[in-house]
């Protein structure tokens, strides 16, 4: 198949196609929640976090257990509680000193885990408890905002913007959140609303991809007319 692509595409086009496929399939699936076997083996704070038992969390911390202990995949109890959507456990862990900036093996923090899961309530709890929307996360050197924009999680995107997420961070694919909402989006309502939120917040519409293609040109090339109109009204070129 690769040879067929090379016959019909330039090397530059082929590289972009491969990058696009990787980016489309990897960022969301790269997060690895605890599987059933791991959960069955959990003890102590990891078990209490997964089960959502704040009283047990308090007792274990008081007994000297490390609130930032890691499981075999580098997940802290806070990561586990976030995956499990156990918001009372999240409150208890952070109150007990859990660090919100720690990354697990795939370099995700709790905020990005909630963002990718489209879990607005857990994200709201984390941000209210002082977790940052500004961290550089994932193998793509991205942010929670970029991950949410890629997936079209428009409500999450608005929360992250309000929390001060960097609007114009460029990841190692040379894409911003604005660009990802276009090149990895489907042009549907949620991706359109994601782009609208970014534009209204002041995201730079002139930052281009690695080849100098602007967001407006990318939207036009994909036939995403609603996005084109939003960008043109903002003065994008």
C-alpha atoms as a PDB file:
ATOM      1  CA  UNK A   1       0.000   0.000   0.000  1.00  0.00           C
ATOM      2  CA  UNK A   2       2.825   2.392   0.825  1.00  0.00           C
ATOM      3  CA  UNK A   3       4.256   1.990  -2.680  1.00  0.00           C
ATOM      4  CA  UNK A   4       0.835   2.752  -4.161  1.00  0.00           C
ATOM      5  CA  UNK A   5       0.615   5.941  -2.110  1.00  0.00           C
ATOM      6  CA  UNK A   6       4.060   6.946  -3.314  1.00  0.00           C
ATOM      7  CA  UNK A   7       3.016   6.479  -6.927  1.00  0.00           C
ATOM      8  CA  UNK A   8       0.035   8.808  -6.585  1.00  0.00           C
ATOM      9  CA  UNK A   9       1.207  11.281  -3.959  1.00  0.00           C
ATOM     10  CA  UNK A  10       4.153  13.578  -3.447  1.00  0.00           C
ATOM     11  CA  UNK A  11       6.467  12.758  -0.557  1.00  0.00           C
ATOM     12  CA  UNK A  12       5.176  15.817   1.272  1.00  0.00           C
ATOM     13  CA  UNK A  13       1.554  14.747   0.820  1.00  0.00           C
ATOM     14  CA  UNK A  14       2.401  11.230   1.919  1.00  0.00           C
ATOM     15  CA  UNK A  15       4.095  12.521   5.072  1.00  0.00           C
ATOM     16  CA  UNK A  16       1.076  14.654   5.931  1.00  0.00           C
ATOM     17  CA  UNK A  17      -1.257  11.727   5.306  1.00  0.00           C
ATOM     18  CA  UNK A  18       0.706   9.474   7.633  1.00  0.00           C
ATOM     19  CA  UNK A  19       0.895  12.183  10.302  1.00  0.00           C
ATOM     20  CA  UNK A  20      -2.822  12.747  10.000  1.00  0.00           C
ATOM     21  CA  UNK A  21      -3.624   9.046  10.390  1.00  0.00           C
ATOM     22  CA  UNK A  22      -1.346   8.762  13.408  1.00  0.00           C
ATOM     23  CA  UNK A  23      -2.755  11.866  15.046  1.00  0.00           C
ATOM     24  CA  UNK A  24      -6.328  10.798  14.380  1.00  0.00           C
ATOM     25  CA  UNK A  25      -5.908   7.374  15.924  1.00  0.00           C
ATOM     26  CA  UNK A  26      -3.369   7.996  18.654  1.00  0.00           C
ATOM     27  CA  UNK A  27      -4.155  10.935  20.959  1.00  0.00           C
ATOM     28  CA  UNK A  28      -7.467   9.672  22.333  1.00  0.00           C
ATOM     29  CA  UNK A  29      -6.578   5.975  22.352  1.00  0.00           C
ATOM     30  CA  UNK A  30      -3.127   6.652  23.838  1.00  0.00           C
ATOM     31  CA  UNK A  31      -4.755   7.070  27.215  1.00  0.00           C
ATOM     32  CA  UNK A  32      -4.808   3.750  29.017  1.00  0.00           C
ATOM     33  CA  UNK A  33      -7.353   3.486  31.844  1.00  0.00           C
ATOM     34  CA  UNK A  34      -6.871   0.725  34.401  1.00  0.00           C
ATOM     35  CA  UNK A  35      -8.058  -2.609  33.013  1.00  0.00           C
ATOM     36  CA  UNK A  36     -10.110  -5.151  34.955  1.00  0.00           C
ATOM     37  CA  UNK A  37      -7.059  -7.112  36.078  1.00  0.00           C
ATOM     38  CA  UNK A  38      -5.299  -3.995  37.338  1.00  0.00           C
ATOM     39  CA  UNK A  39      -8.402  -2.874  39.198  1.00  0.00           C
ATOM     40  CA  UNK A  40      -8.740  -6.292  40.822  1.00  0.00           C
ATOM     41  CA  UNK A  41      -5.155  -6.020  42.053  1.00  0.00           C
ATOM     42  CA  UNK A  42      -5.474  -2.512  43.432  1.00  0.00           C
ATOM     43  CA  UNK A  43      -4.995  -2.052  47.146  1.00  0.00           C
ATOM     44  CA  UNK A  44      -4.689   0.968  49.401  1.00  0.00           C
ATOM     45  CA  UNK A  45      -5.202   4.386  47.888  1.00  0.00           C
ATOM     46  CA  UNK A  46      -5.551   3.150  44.332  1.00  0.00           C
ATOM     47  CA  UNK A  47      -8.404   0.867  45.365  1.00  0.00           C
ATOM     48  CA  UNK A  48     -10.054   3.609  47.422  1.00  0.00           C
ATOM     49  CA  UNK A  49      -9.714   6.053  44.510  1.00  0.00           C
ATOM     50  CA  UNK A  50     -11.256   3.636  42.013  1.00  0.00           C
ATOM     51  CA  UNK A  51     -14.104   2.802  44.387  1.00  0.00           C
ATOM     52  CA  UNK A  52     -14.695   6.451  45.301  1.00  0.00           C
ATOM     53  CA  UNK A  53     -14.212   6.055  49.034  1.00  0.00           C
ATOM     54  CA  UNK A  54     -13.154   9.412  50.523  1.00  0.00           C
ATOM     55  CA  UNK A  55     -13.267   8.172  54.108  1.00  0.00           C
ATOM     56  CA  UNK A  56     -10.855   5.371  53.298  1.00  0.00           C
ATOM     57  CA  UNK A  57      -8.617   7.822  51.452  1.00  0.00           C
ATOM     58  CA  UNK A  58      -8.443  10.018  54.531  1.00  0.00           C
ATOM     59  CA  UNK A  59      -7.658   7.079  56.787  1.00  0.00           C
ATOM     60  CA  UNK A  60      -4.945   5.720  54.499  1.00  0.00           C
ATOM     61  CA  UNK A  61      -3.239   9.094  54.148  1.00  0.00           C
ATOM     62  CA  UNK A  62      -3.396   9.613  57.898  1.00  0.00           C
ATOM     63  CA  UNK A  63      -1.716   6.225  58.298  1.00  0.00           C
ATOM     64  CA  UNK A  64       1.207   7.385  56.178  1.00  0.00           C
ATOM     65  CA  UNK A  65       0.361   6.062  52.724  1.00  0.00           C
ATOM     66  CA  UNK A  66       1.825   8.053  49.832  1.00  0.00           C
ATOM     67  CA  UNK A  67      -0.996  10.005  48.209  1.00  0.00           C
ATOM     68  CA  UNK A  68       1.056  10.247  45.005  1.00  0.00           C
ATOM     69  CA  UNK A  69       1.988   6.551  44.788  1.00  0.00           C
ATOM     70  CA  UNK A  70       2.210   5.056  41.300  1.00  0.00           C
ATOM     71  CA  UNK A  71       0.749   1.864  39.863  1.00  0.00           C
ATOM     72  CA  UNK A  72       2.537  -0.202  37.215  1.00  0.00           C
ATOM     73  CA  UNK A  73       1.500   2.282  34.500  1.00  0.00           C
ATOM     74  CA  UNK A  74       2.562   5.344  36.441  1.00  0.00           C
ATOM     75  CA  UNK A  75      -0.971   6.282  37.451  1.00  0.00           C
ATOM     76  CA  UNK A  76      -1.437   8.015  40.787  1.00  0.00           C
ATOM     77  CA  UNK A  77      -4.623   7.605  42.812  1.00  0.00           C
ATOM     78  CA  UNK A  78      -5.738  10.952  41.354  1.00  0.00           C
ATOM     79  CA  UNK A  79      -5.353   9.635  37.796  1.00  0.00           C
ATOM     80  CA  UNK A  80      -7.323   6.541  38.772  1.00  0.00           C
ATOM     81  CA  UNK A  81     -10.102   8.548  40.408  1.00  0.00           C
ATOM     82  CA  UNK A  82     -10.307  10.726  37.296  1.00  0.00           C
ATOM     83  CA  UNK A  83     -10.583   7.742  34.973  1.00  0.00           C
ATOM     84  CA  UNK A  84     -13.305   6.353  37.271  1.00  0.00           C
ATOM     85  CA  UNK A  85     -15.142   9.705  37.474  1.00  0.00           C
ATOM     86  CA  UNK A  86     -15.031   9.538  41.251  1.00  0.00           C
ATOM     87  CA  UNK A  87     -15.304  13.206  42.090  1.00  0.00           C
ATOM     88  CA  UNK A  88     -15.615  12.802  45.862  1.00  0.00           C
ATOM     89  CA  UNK A  89     -12.392  10.793  45.793  1.00  0.00           C
ATOM     90  CA  UNK A  90     -10.751  13.558  43.755  1.00  0.00           C
ATOM     91  CA  UNK A  91     -11.726  16.112  46.406  1.00  0.00           C
ATOM     92  CA  UNK A  92     -10.354  13.881  49.177  1.00  0.00           C
ATOM     93  CA  UNK A  93      -7.095  13.171  47.365  1.00  0.00           C
ATOM     94  CA  UNK A  94      -6.348  16.803  46.553  1.00  0.00           C
ATOM     95  CA  UNK A  95      -7.286  17.851  50.094  1.00  0.00           C
ATOM     96  CA  UNK A  96      -4.776  15.262  51.298  1.00  0.00           C
ATOM     97  CA  UNK A  97      -2.001  16.716  49.153  1.00  0.00           C
ATOM     98  CA  UNK A  98      -2.272  14.879  45.843  1.00  0.00           C
ATOM     99  CA  UNK A  99      -0.335  16.670  43.120  1.00  0.00           C
ATOM    100  CA  UNK A 100      -2.458  17.622  40.142  1.00  0.00           C
ATOM    101  CA  UNK A 101       0.503  18.147  37.799  1.00  0.00           C
ATOM    102  CA  UNK A 102       1.849  14.594  37.745  1.00  0.00           C
ATOM    103  CA  UNK A 103       1.850  12.702  34.436  1.00  0.00           C
ATOM    104  CA  UNK A 104       1.343   8.985  33.958  1.00  0.00           C
ATOM    105  CA  UNK A 105       3.383   6.872  31.526  1.00  0.00           C
ATOM    106  CA  UNK A 106       1.686   8.344  28.441  1.00  0.00           C
ATOM    107  CA  UNK A 107       2.311  11.833  29.852  1.00  0.00           C
ATOM    108  CA  UNK A 108      -1.293  12.644  30.664  1.00  0.00           C
ATOM    109  CA  UNK A 109      -2.354  14.597  33.743  1.00  0.00           C
ATOM    110  CA  UNK A 110      -5.769  14.397  35.363  1.00  0.00           C
ATOM    111  CA  UNK A 111      -7.062  17.459  33.489  1.00  0.00           C
ATOM    112  CA  UNK A 112      -6.199  15.976  30.096  1.00  0.00           C
ATOM    113  CA  UNK A 113      -7.679  12.617  31.096  1.00  0.00           C
ATOM    114  CA  UNK A 114     -10.995  14.324  31.915  1.00  0.00           C
ATOM    115  CA  UNK A 115     -10.797  16.444  28.760  1.00  0.00           C
ATOM    116  CA  UNK A 116     -10.319  13.451  26.461  1.00  0.00           C
ATOM    117  CA  UNK A 117     -13.160  11.610  28.209  1.00  0.00           C
ATOM    118  CA  UNK A 118     -15.483  14.593  27.566  1.00  0.00           C
ATOM    119  CA  UNK A 119     -16.138  14.522  31.302  1.00  0.00           C
ATOM    120  CA  UNK A 120     -17.153  18.099  31.986  1.00  0.00           C
ATOM    121  CA  UNK A 121     -18.175  17.548  35.611  1.00  0.00           C
ATOM    122  CA  UNK A 122     -14.894  15.934  36.627  1.00  0.00           C
ATOM    123  CA  UNK A 123     -12.959  18.585  34.726  1.00  0.00           C
ATOM    124  CA  UNK A 124     -14.914  21.295  36.511  1.00  0.00           C
ATOM    125  CA  UNK A 125     -14.069  19.726  39.880  1.00  0.00           C
ATOM    126  CA  UNK A 126     -10.361  19.446  39.054  1.00  0.00           C
ATOM    127  CA  UNK A 127     -10.104  23.038  37.873  1.00  0.00           C
ATOM    128  CA  UNK A 128     -12.011  24.328  40.909  1.00  0.00           C
ATOM    129  CA  UNK A 129      -9.541  22.477  43.129  1.00  0.00           C
ATOM    130  CA  UNK A 130      -6.562  24.172  41.521  1.00  0.00           C
ATOM    131  CA  UNK A 131      -5.529  21.814  38.731  1.00  0.00           C
ATOM    132  CA  UNK A 132      -3.896  23.611  35.815  1.00  0.00           C
ATOM    133  CA  UNK A 133      -5.118  23.790  32.218  1.00  0.00           C
ATOM    134  CA  UNK A 134      -1.668  24.969  31.133  1.00  0.00           C
ATOM    135  CA  UNK A 135       0.413  21.790  31.334  1.00  0.00           C
ATOM    136  CA  UNK A 136       2.266  20.313  28.353  1.00  0.00           C
ATOM    137  CA  UNK A 137       1.023  16.750  28.072  1.00  0.00           C
ATOM    138  CA  UNK A 138       1.033  13.641  25.855  1.00  0.00           C
ATOM    139  CA  UNK A 139       3.607  12.221  23.459  1.00  0.00           C
ATOM    140  CA  UNK A 140       2.656  15.063  21.102  1.00  0.00           C
ATOM    141  CA  UNK A 141       3.826  17.788  23.498  1.00  0.00           C
ATOM    142  CA  UNK A 142       0.307  19.135  23.399  1.00  0.00           C
ATOM    143  CA  UNK A 143      -2.205  20.402  25.933  1.00  0.00           C
ATOM    144  CA  UNK A 144      -5.587  19.379  27.266  1.00  0.00           C
ATOM    145  CA  UNK A 145      -7.056  22.075  25.002  1.00  0.00           C
ATOM    146  CA  UNK A 146      -5.488  20.587  21.871  1.00  0.00           C
ATOM    147  CA  UNK A 147      -6.731  17.114  22.813  1.00  0.00           C
ATOM    148  CA  UNK A 148     -10.262  18.398  23.413  1.00  0.00           C
ATOM    149  CA  UNK A 149     -10.258  20.426  20.179  1.00  0.00           C
ATOM    150  CA  UNK A 150      -9.149  17.378  18.205  1.00  0.00           C
ATOM    151  CA  UNK A 151     -12.141  15.444  19.551  1.00  0.00           C
ATOM    152  CA  UNK A 152     -14.669  18.281  19.248  1.00  0.00           C
ATOM    153  CA  UNK A 153     -15.423  18.389  22.954  1.00  0.00           C
ATOM    154  CA  UNK A 154     -16.753  21.919  22.765  1.00  0.00           C
ATOM    155  CA  UNK A 155     -17.965  22.214  26.364  1.00  0.00           C
ATOM    156  CA  UNK A 156     -14.607  21.025  27.632  1.00  0.00           C
ATOM    157  CA  UNK A 157     -12.874  23.468  25.300  1.00  0.00           C
ATOM    158  CA  UNK A 158     -14.841  26.384  26.752  1.00  0.00           C
ATOM    159  CA  UNK A 159     -13.976  25.313  30.292  1.00  0.00           C
ATOM    160  CA  UNK A 160     -10.286  25.046  29.462  1.00  0.00           C
ATOM    161  CA  UNK A 161     -10.274  28.436  27.753  1.00  0.00           C
ATOM    162  CA  UNK A 162     -11.893  29.995  30.821  1.00  0.00           C
ATOM    163  CA  UNK A 163      -9.225  28.333  32.969  1.00  0.00           C
ATOM    164  CA  UNK A 164      -6.420  29.980  31.004  1.00  0.00           C
ATOM    165  CA  UNK A 165      -5.330  27.177  28.704  1.00  0.00           C
ATOM    166  CA  UNK A 166      -2.713  28.399  26.192  1.00  0.00           C
ATOM    167  CA  UNK A 167      -4.705  29.166  23.047  1.00  0.00           C
ATOM    168  CA  UNK A 168      -1.846  29.110  20.575  1.00  0.00           C
ATOM    169  CA  UNK A 169       0.400  26.320  21.848  1.00  0.00           C
ATOM    170  CA  UNK A 170       1.960  24.419  18.928  1.00  0.00           C
ATOM    171  CA  UNK A 171       2.461  20.682  19.420  1.00  0.00           C
ATOM    172  CA  UNK A 172       5.149  18.544  17.802  1.00  0.00           C
ATOM    173  CA  UNK A 173       2.939  17.939  14.771  1.00  0.00           C
ATOM    174  CA  UNK A 174       3.076  21.731  14.352  1.00  0.00           C
ATOM    175  CA  UNK A 175      -0.651  22.041  15.011  1.00  0.00           C
ATOM    176  CA  UNK A 176      -2.533  24.367  17.365  1.00  0.00           C
ATOM    177  CA  UNK A 177      -5.904  23.615  18.942  1.00  0.00           C
ATOM    178  CA  UNK A 178      -7.496  25.686  16.171  1.00  0.00           C
ATOM    179  CA  UNK A 179      -5.792  23.666  13.461  1.00  0.00           C
ATOM    180  CA  UNK A 180      -6.627  20.344  15.125  1.00  0.00           C
ATOM    181  CA  UNK A 181     -10.313  21.250  15.280  1.00  0.00           C
ATOM    182  CA  UNK A 182     -10.152  21.457  11.487  1.00  0.00           C
ATOM    183  CA  UNK A 183      -7.693  18.807  10.311  1.00  0.00           C
ATOM    184  CA  UNK A 184      -8.783  16.162  12.817  1.00  0.00           C
ATOM    185  CA  UNK A 185     -12.406  17.253  12.997  1.00  0.00           C
ATOM    186  CA  UNK A 186     -15.364  16.061  10.987  1.00  0.00           C
ATOM    187  CA  UNK A 187     -16.793  19.483  10.211  1.00  0.00           C
ATOM    188  CA  UNK A 188     -19.837  18.670  12.332  1.00  0.00           C
ATOM    189  CA  UNK A 189     -21.579  20.762  14.961  1.00  0.00           C
ATOM    190  CA  UNK A 190     -19.263  20.047  17.877  1.00  0.00           C
ATOM    191  CA  UNK A 191     -16.085  20.711  15.933  1.00  0.00           C
ATOM    192  CA  UNK A 192     -17.628  23.886  14.520  1.00  0.00           C
ATOM    193  CA  UNK A 193     -18.530  25.049  18.027  1.00  0.00           C
ATOM    194  CA  UNK A 194     -15.025  24.167  19.181  1.00  0.00           C
ATOM    195  CA  UNK A 195     -13.523  26.353  16.472  1.00  0.00           C
ATOM    196  CA  UNK A 196     -16.009  29.125  17.253  1.00  0.00           C
ATOM    197  CA  UNK A 197     -15.017  29.061  20.940  1.00  0.00           C
ATOM    198  CA  UNK A 198     -11.330  29.270  20.067  1.00  0.00           C
ATOM    199  CA  UNK A 199     -11.831  32.140  17.623  1.00  0.00           C
ATOM    200  CA  UNK A 200     -14.032  34.066  20.052  1.00  0.00           C
ATOM    201  CA  UNK A 201     -11.398  33.613  22.761  1.00  0.00           C
ATOM    202  CA  UNK A 202      -8.764  35.190  20.529  1.00  0.00           C
ATOM    203  CA  UNK A 203      -6.868  32.204  19.167  1.00  0.00           C
ATOM    204  CA  UNK A 204      -4.486  33.255  16.407  1.00  0.00           C
ATOM    205  CA  UNK A 205      -6.140  32.389  13.096  1.00  0.00           C
ATOM    206  CA  UNK A 206      -2.974  33.067  11.108  1.00  0.00           C
ATOM    207  CA  UNK A 207      -0.736  30.454  12.725  1.00  0.00           C
ATOM    208  CA  UNK A 208      -0.132  27.919   9.975  1.00  0.00           C
ATOM    209  CA  UNK A 209       0.822  24.269   9.901  1.00  0.00           C
ATOM    210  CA  UNK A 210       4.318  22.978   9.160  1.00  0.00           C
ATOM    211  CA  UNK A 211       3.860  23.674   5.443  1.00  0.00           C
ATOM    212  CA  UNK A 212       2.555  27.198   5.866  1.00  0.00           C
ATOM    213  CA  UNK A 213      -1.117  26.369   5.284  1.00  0.00           C
ATOM    214  CA  UNK A 214      -3.442  28.593   7.301  1.00  0.00           C
ATOM    215  CA  UNK A 215      -6.545  27.417   9.172  1.00  0.00           C
ATOM    216  CA  UNK A 216      -8.757  29.140   6.589  1.00  0.00           C
ATOM    217  CA  UNK A 217      -7.063  27.297   3.734  1.00  0.00           C
ATOM    218  CA  UNK A 218      -7.312  24.018   5.627  1.00  0.00           C
ATOM    219  CA  UNK A 219     -11.049  24.520   6.223  1.00  0.00           C
ATOM    220  CA  UNK A 220     -11.634  25.445   2.575  1.00  0.00           C
ATOM    221  CA  UNK A 221      -9.722  22.390   1.378  1.00  0.00           C
ATOM    222  CA  UNK A 222     -11.988  20.144   3.446  1.00  0.00           C
ATOM    223  CA  UNK A 223     -15.211  21.857   2.410  1.00  0.00           C
ATOM    224  CA  UNK A 224     -16.045  22.851   5.989  1.00  0.00           C
ATOM    225  CA  UNK A 225     -18.136  25.874   5.045  1.00  0.00           C
ATOM    226  CA  UNK A 226     -19.355  26.726   8.543  1.00  0.00           C
ATOM    227  CA  UNK A 227     -15.752  26.867   9.729  1.00  0.00           C
ATOM    228  CA  UNK A 228     -14.762  28.917   6.698  1.00  0.00           C
ATOM    229  CA  UNK A 229     -17.453  31.476   7.522  1.00  0.00           C
ATOM    230  CA  UNK A 230     -16.379  31.764  11.154  1.00  0.00           C
ATOM    231  CA  UNK A 231     -12.760  32.238  10.158  1.00  0.00           C
ATOM    232  CA  UNK A 232     -13.548  34.781   7.447  1.00  0.00           C
ATOM    233  CA  UNK A 233     -15.724  36.834   9.796  1.00  0.00           C
ATOM    234  CA  UNK A 234     -12.812  36.931  12.242  1.00  0.00           C
ATOM    235  CA  UNK A 235     -10.538  38.365   9.557  1.00  0.00           C
ATOM    236  CA  UNK A 236      -8.596  35.177   8.839  1.00  0.00           C
ATOM    237  CA  UNK A 237      -6.777  34.994   5.550  1.00  0.00           C
END
